[in-house]
Protein backbone atom coordinates (compact mmCIF):
# COMPACT_ATOMS: atom_id res chain seq x y z
CA MET A 1 -18.17 -71.20 53.85
CA THR A 2 -16.80 -72.60 57.10
CA ILE A 3 -17.67 -76.17 58.02
CA LYS A 4 -16.96 -77.67 61.41
CA GLY A 5 -17.16 -81.41 61.78
CA ASN A 6 -17.74 -83.95 59.02
CA ILE A 7 -17.42 -82.35 55.58
CA MET A 8 -19.10 -85.29 53.88
CA SER A 9 -22.60 -84.43 55.16
CA PRO A 10 -22.81 -81.08 53.32
CA ALA A 11 -21.01 -82.65 50.35
CA LYS A 12 -23.71 -85.34 50.08
CA ARG A 13 -26.39 -82.60 50.24
CA LYS A 14 -24.58 -80.81 47.36
CA GLN A 15 -23.95 -77.71 49.47
CA ILE A 16 -20.25 -77.62 48.50
CA ASP A 17 -18.96 -76.90 45.01
CA ALA A 18 -15.26 -77.68 45.55
CA ILE A 19 -12.94 -78.85 48.34
CA ASP A 20 -9.16 -78.25 48.47
CA GLY A 21 -6.77 -80.51 50.32
CA MET A 22 -9.00 -83.56 50.82
CA PHE A 23 -7.35 -86.94 51.04
CA TYR A 24 -8.67 -89.71 48.77
CA SER A 25 -10.69 -92.61 50.14
CA ALA A 26 -12.97 -95.13 48.41
CA GLU A 27 -15.92 -93.92 50.52
CA ARG A 28 -15.39 -90.31 49.46
CA ASP A 29 -14.94 -91.37 45.84
CA ARG A 30 -18.50 -92.75 45.82
CA VAL A 31 -19.82 -89.23 46.53
CA LEU A 32 -17.22 -86.88 45.01
CA ASP A 33 -15.26 -86.70 41.76
CA PHE A 34 -11.53 -86.34 42.49
CA GLY A 35 -9.52 -84.23 40.06
CA PRO A 36 -5.84 -84.60 39.22
CA LYS A 37 -3.31 -83.96 41.97
CA TYR A 38 -2.14 -80.35 41.89
CA LEU A 39 -1.37 -79.49 45.49
CA VAL A 40 1.46 -80.81 47.65
CA ILE A 41 0.83 -80.59 51.39
CA CYS A 42 3.84 -81.12 53.62
CA CYS A 43 2.99 -82.31 57.11
CA VAL A 44 5.34 -83.10 59.96
CA GLY A 45 4.96 -85.15 63.10
CA VAL A 46 5.40 -83.27 66.36
CA VAL A 47 6.53 -85.00 69.54
CA ARG A 48 7.13 -83.95 73.12
CA ARG A 49 10.44 -82.13 73.61
CA GLY A 50 13.20 -83.66 75.73
CA GLU A 51 12.48 -87.36 75.17
CA GLY A 52 15.21 -88.19 72.67
CA PRO A 53 15.22 -87.80 68.90
CA PRO A 54 11.86 -87.71 67.11
CA PRO A 55 10.77 -90.96 65.43
CA ALA A 56 12.15 -91.29 61.90
CA THR A 57 9.71 -94.00 60.74
CA LEU A 58 6.08 -94.96 61.33
CA GLU A 59 7.29 -98.13 63.03
CA GLU A 60 9.02 -96.01 65.69
CA LEU A 61 5.61 -94.56 66.61
CA ALA A 62 4.31 -98.00 67.63
CA GLY A 63 2.99 -97.98 71.18
CA ARG A 64 2.80 -94.19 71.43
CA ASP A 65 -0.45 -92.28 71.93
CA ARG A 66 -1.14 -90.14 68.85
CA VAL A 67 -3.69 -87.46 68.04
CA VAL A 68 -4.74 -85.77 64.80
CA GLN A 69 -5.26 -82.02 64.93
CA ALA A 70 -8.76 -81.21 63.67
CA GLU A 71 -8.33 -77.48 63.07
CA ALA A 72 -4.89 -76.26 62.16
CA LYS A 73 -3.98 -72.58 62.46
CA GLY A 74 -1.57 -70.78 60.15
CA ALA A 75 2.03 -69.98 60.96
CA GLY A 76 2.51 -67.98 64.11
CA GLN A 77 -0.95 -68.71 65.53
């Protein structure tokens, strides 16, 4: 099944049996049962090239415009 947009709507309608890679939140915990942690997801921040070293801490991101990628493609895509 491919879901675009908010995954919680079909989850509330019980159209989804299991979800991998979801981050915990209190709101989600009211609808879903979270199992034990078994998957480690490594994410990196990506910044514009040529503007000095990338930020090493969250504090160094203060004042910068940030976006979150909604649909990530696999390596090489």
